[in-house]
Protein backbone atom coordinates (compact mmCIF):
# COMPACT_ATOMS: atom_id res chain seq x y z
CA UNK A 1 2.74 -73.54 -45.37
CA UNK A 2 6.39 -74.48 -44.70
CA UNK A 3 7.02 -77.38 -42.30
CA UNK A 4 7.52 -76.04 -38.74
CA UNK A 5 10.98 -76.58 -37.34
CA UNK A 6 11.07 -79.45 -34.86
CA UNK A 7 12.51 -79.66 -31.38
CA UNK A 8 15.27 -82.22 -30.89
CA UNK A 9 13.14 -84.87 -29.19
CA UNK A 10 13.33 -88.50 -30.34
CA UNK A 11 10.26 -90.71 -30.48
CA UNK A 12 9.43 -92.82 -27.45
CA UNK A 13 11.37 -96.04 -27.19
CA UNK A 14 14.96 -96.76 -28.08
CA UNK A 15 18.16 -95.99 -26.23
CA UNK A 16 18.63 -92.58 -27.85
CA UNK A 17 15.41 -91.18 -26.41
CA UNK A 18 16.10 -92.74 -23.04
CA UNK A 19 19.53 -91.10 -22.92
CA UNK A 20 18.09 -87.75 -24.03
CA UNK A 21 15.37 -87.92 -21.38
CA UNK A 22 17.87 -88.81 -18.67
CA UNK A 23 20.27 -86.02 -19.55
CA UNK A 24 17.57 -83.36 -19.78
CA UNK A 25 15.51 -84.51 -16.81
CA UNK A 26 12.41 -84.83 -18.99
CA UNK A 27 9.73 -87.36 -18.08
CA UNK A 28 8.80 -89.11 -21.33
CA UNK A 29 5.22 -90.26 -21.81
CA UNK A 30 4.52 -93.47 -23.77
CA UNK A 31 3.53 -91.26 -26.70
CA UNK A 32 7.03 -89.78 -26.86
CA UNK A 33 5.84 -86.40 -25.60
CA UNK A 34 7.11 -85.10 -22.31
CA UNK A 35 5.70 -83.74 -19.10
CA UNK A 36 6.65 -80.14 -18.40
CA UNK A 37 9.40 -80.13 -15.79
CA UNK A 38 9.41 -77.36 -13.21
CA UNK A 39 12.53 -75.90 -14.81
CA UNK A 40 10.44 -74.81 -17.80
CA UNK A 41 8.62 -72.39 -15.52
CA UNK A 42 11.87 -70.44 -15.35
CA UNK A 43 11.45 -69.79 -19.09
CA UNK A 44 8.31 -67.74 -18.50
CA UNK A 45 8.83 -64.06 -19.28
CA UNK A 46 8.68 -61.85 -16.21
CA UNK A 47 6.66 -59.25 -18.11
CA UNK A 48 5.26 -58.90 -21.61
CA UNK A 49 5.51 -61.31 -24.52
CA UNK A 50 7.64 -61.87 -27.58
CA UNK A 51 6.48 -61.09 -31.10
CA UNK A 52 4.26 -58.22 -32.15
CA UNK A 53 1.29 -57.65 -29.85
CA UNK A 54 0.13 -54.52 -31.69
CA UNK A 55 -1.74 -53.89 -34.95
CA UNK A 56 -2.80 -50.82 -36.88
CA UNK A 57 -6.40 -49.74 -36.25
CA UNK A 58 -7.33 -52.41 -33.67
CA UNK A 59 -10.93 -53.18 -32.79
CA UNK A 60 -9.81 -54.33 -29.32
CA UNK A 61 -6.85 -53.05 -27.35
CA UNK A 62 -5.94 -54.91 -24.16
CA UNK A 63 -3.33 -53.45 -21.83
CA UNK A 64 -1.97 -55.25 -18.75
CA UNK A 65 -5.15 -57.32 -18.41
CA UNK A 66 -5.18 -59.66 -15.41
CA UNK A 67 -8.02 -61.89 -14.21
CA UNK A 68 -8.44 -63.13 -10.65
CA UNK A 69 -10.75 -65.80 -9.28
CA UNK A 70 -10.65 -64.85 -5.63
CA UNK A 71 -6.94 -64.74 -4.81
CA UNK A 72 -5.91 -66.92 -7.76
CA UNK A 73 -4.46 -65.03 -10.72
CA UNK A 74 -5.66 -66.93 -13.81
CA UNK A 75 -4.40 -64.43 -16.42
CA UNK A 76 -1.47 -62.12 -15.82
CA UNK A 77 -0.84 -58.75 -17.47
CA UNK A 78 -1.81 -59.56 -21.05
CA UNK A 79 -1.18 -56.80 -23.58
CA UNK A 80 -2.60 -57.54 -27.02
CA UNK A 81 -4.38 -55.88 -29.96
CA UNK A 82 -7.09 -57.59 -32.02
CA UNK A 83 -7.30 -56.36 -35.59
CA UNK A 84 -10.34 -55.64 -37.71
CA UNK A 85 -11.27 -58.19 -40.38
CA UNK A 86 -8.78 -60.66 -38.95
CA UNK A 87 -8.93 -63.98 -37.13
CA UNK A 88 -6.81 -64.26 -34.01
CA UNK A 89 -6.30 -67.83 -32.73
CA UNK A 90 -5.52 -68.34 -29.04
CA UNK A 91 -3.68 -71.61 -28.43
CA UNK A 92 -2.02 -73.25 -25.45
CA UNK A 93 -2.34 -76.14 -22.98
CA UNK A 94 -5.54 -76.73 -21.04
CA UNK A 95 -5.83 -74.34 -18.11
CA UNK A 96 -3.43 -71.79 -19.57
CA UNK A 97 -5.93 -68.90 -19.43
CA UNK A 98 -6.93 -68.55 -23.08
CA UNK A 99 -10.68 -69.07 -22.50
CA UNK A 100 -10.57 -66.86 -19.40
CA UNK A 101 -8.97 -64.12 -21.49
CA UNK A 102 -11.58 -64.59 -24.22
CA UNK A 103 -14.38 -64.07 -21.70
CA UNK A 104 -12.79 -60.77 -20.66
CA UNK A 105 -13.61 -59.35 -24.06
CA UNK A 106 -17.39 -59.37 -23.55
CA UNK A 107 -17.41 -59.31 -19.74
CA UNK A 108 -18.60 -62.89 -19.36
CA UNK A 109 -16.40 -63.11 -16.26
CA UNK A 110 -18.82 -60.69 -14.58
CA UNK A 111 -21.15 -63.66 -14.09
CA UNK A 112 -18.59 -65.61 -12.00
CA UNK A 113 -18.67 -64.88 -8.23
CA UNK A 114 -15.32 -63.64 -6.97
CA UNK A 115 -13.92 -62.90 -10.43
CA UNK A 116 -12.32 -59.53 -11.09
CA UNK A 117 -10.46 -58.02 -14.01
CA UNK A 118 -7.70 -55.40 -13.83
CA UNK A 119 -6.04 -53.49 -16.63
CA UNK A 120 -7.76 -51.91 -19.62
CA UNK A 121 -9.84 -53.40 -22.43
CA UNK A 122 -11.08 -50.96 -25.06
CA UNK A 123 -13.47 -51.58 -27.95
CA UNK A 124 -13.15 -48.92 -30.63
CA UNK A 125 -11.28 -46.81 -28.08
CA UNK A 126 -13.95 -47.06 -25.36
CA UNK A 127 -13.29 -48.84 -22.05
CA UNK A 128 -15.70 -51.80 -21.88
CA UNK A 129 -15.33 -52.00 -18.08
CA UNK A 130 -16.43 -48.41 -17.54
CA UNK A 131 -19.03 -48.45 -14.73
CA UNK A 132 -21.83 -46.89 -16.77
CA UNK A 133 -21.38 -49.29 -19.66
CA UNK A 134 -24.58 -51.09 -20.74
CA UNK A 135 -23.39 -54.70 -20.67
CA UNK A 136 -26.37 -56.01 -22.67
CA UNK A 137 -25.62 -53.60 -25.51
CA UNK A 138 -21.93 -54.45 -25.27
CA UNK A 139 -22.64 -58.16 -25.71
CA UNK A 140 -24.79 -57.40 -28.74
CA UNK A 141 -21.69 -55.84 -30.33
CA UNK A 142 -19.48 -58.77 -29.26
CA UNK A 143 -21.07 -62.10 -30.13
CA UNK A 144 -20.10 -65.35 -28.40
CA UNK A 145 -20.14 -68.91 -29.75
CA UNK A 146 -19.52 -71.61 -27.17
CA UNK A 147 -17.86 -75.02 -27.29
CA UNK A 148 -21.15 -76.90 -27.14
CA UNK A 149 -24.00 -75.72 -29.40
CA UNK A 150 -26.70 -74.17 -27.23
CA UNK A 151 -29.82 -73.48 -29.34
CA UNK A 152 -32.90 -72.31 -27.47
CA UNK A 153 -35.72 -74.89 -27.19
CA UNK A 154 -37.61 -72.96 -29.85
CA UNK A 155 -38.00 -73.13 -33.60
CA UNK A 156 -35.12 -72.41 -35.95
CA UNK A 157 -36.80 -69.13 -36.89
CA UNK A 158 -37.36 -68.06 -33.28
CA UNK A 159 -33.74 -68.80 -32.37
CA UNK A 160 -32.50 -66.32 -34.95
CA UNK A 161 -35.27 -63.78 -34.35
CA UNK A 162 -34.77 -63.70 -30.57
CA UNK A 163 -31.91 -61.17 -30.47
CA UNK A 164 -33.35 -58.70 -33.00
CA UNK A 165 -36.63 -58.71 -31.07
CA UNK A 166 -34.91 -58.05 -27.73
CA UNK A 167 -32.82 -55.23 -29.17
CA UNK A 168 -35.64 -53.90 -31.39
CA UNK A 169 -33.58 -54.03 -34.54
CA UNK A 170 -36.54 -54.37 -36.92
CA UNK A 171 -39.77 -52.42 -37.35
CA UNK A 172 -41.99 -54.98 -39.03
CA UNK A 173 -42.44 -58.71 -39.47
CA UNK A 174 -41.22 -58.40 -43.04
CA UNK A 175 -37.99 -56.78 -41.84
CA UNK A 176 -37.56 -59.51 -39.25
CA UNK A 177 -38.14 -62.22 -41.86
CA UNK A 178 -35.49 -60.67 -44.07
CA UNK A 179 -32.99 -60.44 -41.21
CA UNK A 180 -33.56 -64.07 -40.24
CA UNK A 181 -33.09 -65.15 -43.85
CA UNK A 182 -29.93 -63.06 -44.27
CA UNK A 183 -28.42 -64.35 -41.03
CA UNK A 184 -29.05 -67.97 -41.97
CA UNK A 185 -27.55 -67.35 -45.40
CA UNK A 186 -24.42 -65.79 -43.89
CA UNK A 187 -24.10 -68.80 -41.61
CA UNK A 188 -24.32 -71.13 -44.61
CA UNK A 189 -27.50 -72.75 -43.30
CA UNK A 190 -30.38 -71.30 -45.30
CA UNK A 191 -30.56 -73.96 -48.02
CA UNK A 192 -30.62 -76.72 -45.40
CA UNK A 193 -33.42 -75.27 -43.25
CA UNK A 194 -35.52 -72.95 -45.41
CA UNK A 195 -38.33 -75.51 -45.64
CA UNK A 196 -38.45 -76.23 -41.89
CA UNK A 197 -37.93 -72.88 -40.20
CA UNK A 198 -40.69 -73.57 -37.70
CA UNK A 199 -39.42 -76.95 -36.49
CA UNK A 200 -37.50 -77.29 -33.23
CA UNK A 201 -33.84 -76.32 -33.46
CA UNK A 202 -32.90 -79.11 -31.06
CA UNK A 203 -33.72 -81.64 -33.80
CA UNK A 204 -30.86 -80.42 -35.99
CA UNK A 205 -27.47 -82.10 -36.21
CA UNK A 206 -24.64 -80.85 -34.02
CA UNK A 207 -22.93 -79.03 -36.87
CA UNK A 208 -26.19 -77.40 -37.95
CA UNK A 209 -26.90 -76.34 -34.37
CA UNK A 210 -23.50 -74.68 -34.14
CA UNK A 211 -24.10 -72.78 -37.39
CA UNK A 212 -27.54 -71.82 -36.08
CA UNK A 213 -25.86 -70.36 -32.98
CA UNK A 214 -23.58 -68.39 -35.30
CA UNK A 215 -26.62 -67.18 -37.29
CA UNK A 216 -28.26 -66.15 -34.00
CA UNK A 217 -25.12 -64.17 -33.17
CA UNK A 218 -24.98 -62.55 -36.61
CA UNK A 219 -28.63 -61.48 -36.38
CA UNK A 220 -27.79 -58.76 -33.83
CA UNK A 221 -25.13 -57.37 -36.20
CA UNK A 222 -22.00 -57.67 -34.02
CA UNK A 223 -18.61 -56.13 -34.71
CA UNK A 224 -16.70 -59.04 -33.19
CA UNK A 225 -17.36 -62.76 -32.72
CA UNK A 226 -15.66 -64.72 -29.95
CA UNK A 227 -15.47 -68.49 -30.44
CA UNK A 228 -14.50 -70.83 -27.60
CA UNK A 229 -13.48 -74.14 -29.21
CA UNK A 230 -16.48 -74.05 -31.58
CA UNK A 231 -15.56 -77.29 -33.37
CA UNK A 232 -14.40 -79.51 -30.51
CA UNK A 233 -17.68 -81.48 -30.45
CA UNK A 234 -18.09 -81.69 -34.23
CA UNK A 235 -17.13 -84.24 -36.87
CA UNK A 236 -14.61 -83.32 -39.62
CA UNK A 237 -17.30 -82.41 -42.18
CA UNK A 238 -19.12 -80.10 -39.77
CA UNK A 239 -15.77 -78.64 -38.71
CA UNK A 240 -14.94 -77.86 -42.34
CA UNK A 241 -18.27 -76.01 -42.68
CA UNK A 242 -17.48 -73.89 -39.62
CA UNK A 243 -13.94 -73.13 -40.81
CA UNK A 244 -15.22 -72.06 -44.24
CA UNK A 245 -17.75 -69.86 -42.49
CA UNK A 246 -15.04 -68.25 -40.34
CA UNK A 247 -13.06 -67.46 -43.48
CA UNK A 248 -16.12 -65.82 -45.08
CA UNK A 249 -17.07 -63.82 -41.97
CA UNK A 250 -13.66 -62.28 -41.43
CA UNK A 251 -14.22 -60.12 -44.50
CA UNK A 252 -16.49 -57.97 -42.34
CA UNK A 253 -15.84 -58.99 -38.71
CA UNK A 254 -13.04 -59.47 -36.22
CA UNK A 255 -12.97 -63.04 -34.88
CA UNK A 256 -11.13 -64.47 -31.90
CA UNK A 257 -11.07 -68.27 -31.69
CA UNK A 258 -9.79 -70.44 -28.86
CA UNK A 259 -8.73 -73.82 -30.19
CA UNK A 260 -6.75 -76.86 -29.08
CA UNK A 261 -6.19 -77.81 -32.71
CA UNK A 262 -3.02 -76.24 -34.02
CA UNK A 263 -3.95 -77.40 -37.51
CA UNK A 264 -7.19 -75.44 -37.21
CA UNK A 265 -5.35 -72.37 -35.92
CA UNK A 266 -3.00 -72.57 -38.91
CA UNK A 267 -5.92 -72.92 -41.35
CA UNK A 268 -8.26 -70.17 -40.16
CA UNK A 269 -6.20 -67.45 -38.48
CA UNK A 270 -4.01 -64.61 -39.60
CA UNK A 271 -2.49 -64.06 -36.14
CA UNK A 272 -1.81 -66.53 -33.34
CA UNK A 273 -1.34 -65.94 -29.61
CA UNK A 274 0.26 -68.64 -27.46
CA UNK A 275 -0.69 -68.73 -23.76
CA UNK A 276 1.08 -70.67 -21.00
CA UNK A 277 0.31 -70.68 -17.25
CA UNK A 278 -1.79 -67.53 -17.51
CA UNK A 279 0.79 -65.60 -19.50
CA UNK A 280 0.77 -64.47 -23.11
CA UNK A 281 4.09 -65.92 -24.27
CA UNK A 282 4.17 -65.08 -27.97
CA UNK A 283 1.95 -63.43 -30.55
CA UNK A 284 2.46 -62.71 -34.21
CA UNK A 285 1.52 -63.65 -37.76
CA UNK A 286 0.34 -67.25 -37.80
CA UNK A 287 2.89 -68.36 -40.40
CA UNK A 288 5.72 -66.88 -38.33
CA UNK A 289 4.55 -68.40 -35.04
CA UNK A 290 4.23 -71.88 -36.55
CA UNK A 291 7.33 -71.91 -38.74
CA UNK A 292 9.74 -69.72 -36.76
CA UNK A 293 8.64 -69.39 -33.12
CA UNK A 294 10.71 -66.94 -31.12
CA UNK A 295 10.17 -68.42 -27.66
CA UNK A 296 11.25 -71.85 -26.44
CA UNK A 297 7.86 -72.55 -24.82
CA UNK A 298 6.05 -71.81 -28.08
CA UNK A 299 8.32 -74.11 -30.04
CA UNK A 300 8.02 -76.89 -27.47
CA UNK A 301 4.24 -76.71 -27.57
CA UNK A 302 3.67 -76.53 -31.31
CA UNK A 303 6.14 -79.34 -31.96
CA UNK A 304 4.43 -81.58 -29.40
CA UNK A 305 7.38 -81.69 -27.04
CA UNK A 306 5.10 -81.36 -24.04
CA UNK A 307 1.39 -81.59 -23.43
């Protein structure tokens, strides 16, 4: 991928950077990055975002979605489509609203006292916040993989079989066995665990546990998988396994991944959405966002100018 264009910020140290910092009012950190001055808030768009928020035949369509925790507005009027058989990466500073937005897509915010969501979120054209919506069935269609692997304190087999049993997806033990096997194969884990399916899942490595959680999600045959920093607790080898898996799964699923790693976003996604202070600032093809960002805040973030 072409080298992203760089903001005109000198490395920390030296008279040139000191002069640049003084003239611009930027507060340089020892690393050479800068704190965000209040003047950057003026760069926030009053409404909407730059780039292309829409796709043909979206699986999700979000229109003017806002999220409130009590009186605090954590996400403001996000309009965004999520395409089928694509990976959308949500990036941005900590606390910018990307994980909050992700949880809107399978109504995880319903579990937080005082949280409310306004606007419209549709899955295959149907409003997921419609009052008569069966939330349990909705979450079977929209799988979730969390930052920290969370296997049940059960065997590897029982972890994967749990969802199909609850949703009655199989009619016999043989069908269940086949579904467990297929799910583990799709998660790239079968060869590593096929001889110890009935041992405790908590004895697996962190990377294996995360792939087991993905297999558990796949077992209920979702249309979409949401991933909230799925590799942040993993080593580089385990991370590579997860990224390869994401690339394989997008052939049949839509995937939304929240990540703090811009390198990971560039590797695994086809579209990237940049969030800042609860706003969707820019969204578009990943190559375009990283090599030719249209908004100053996007460029400043991806070039490391602030953080």
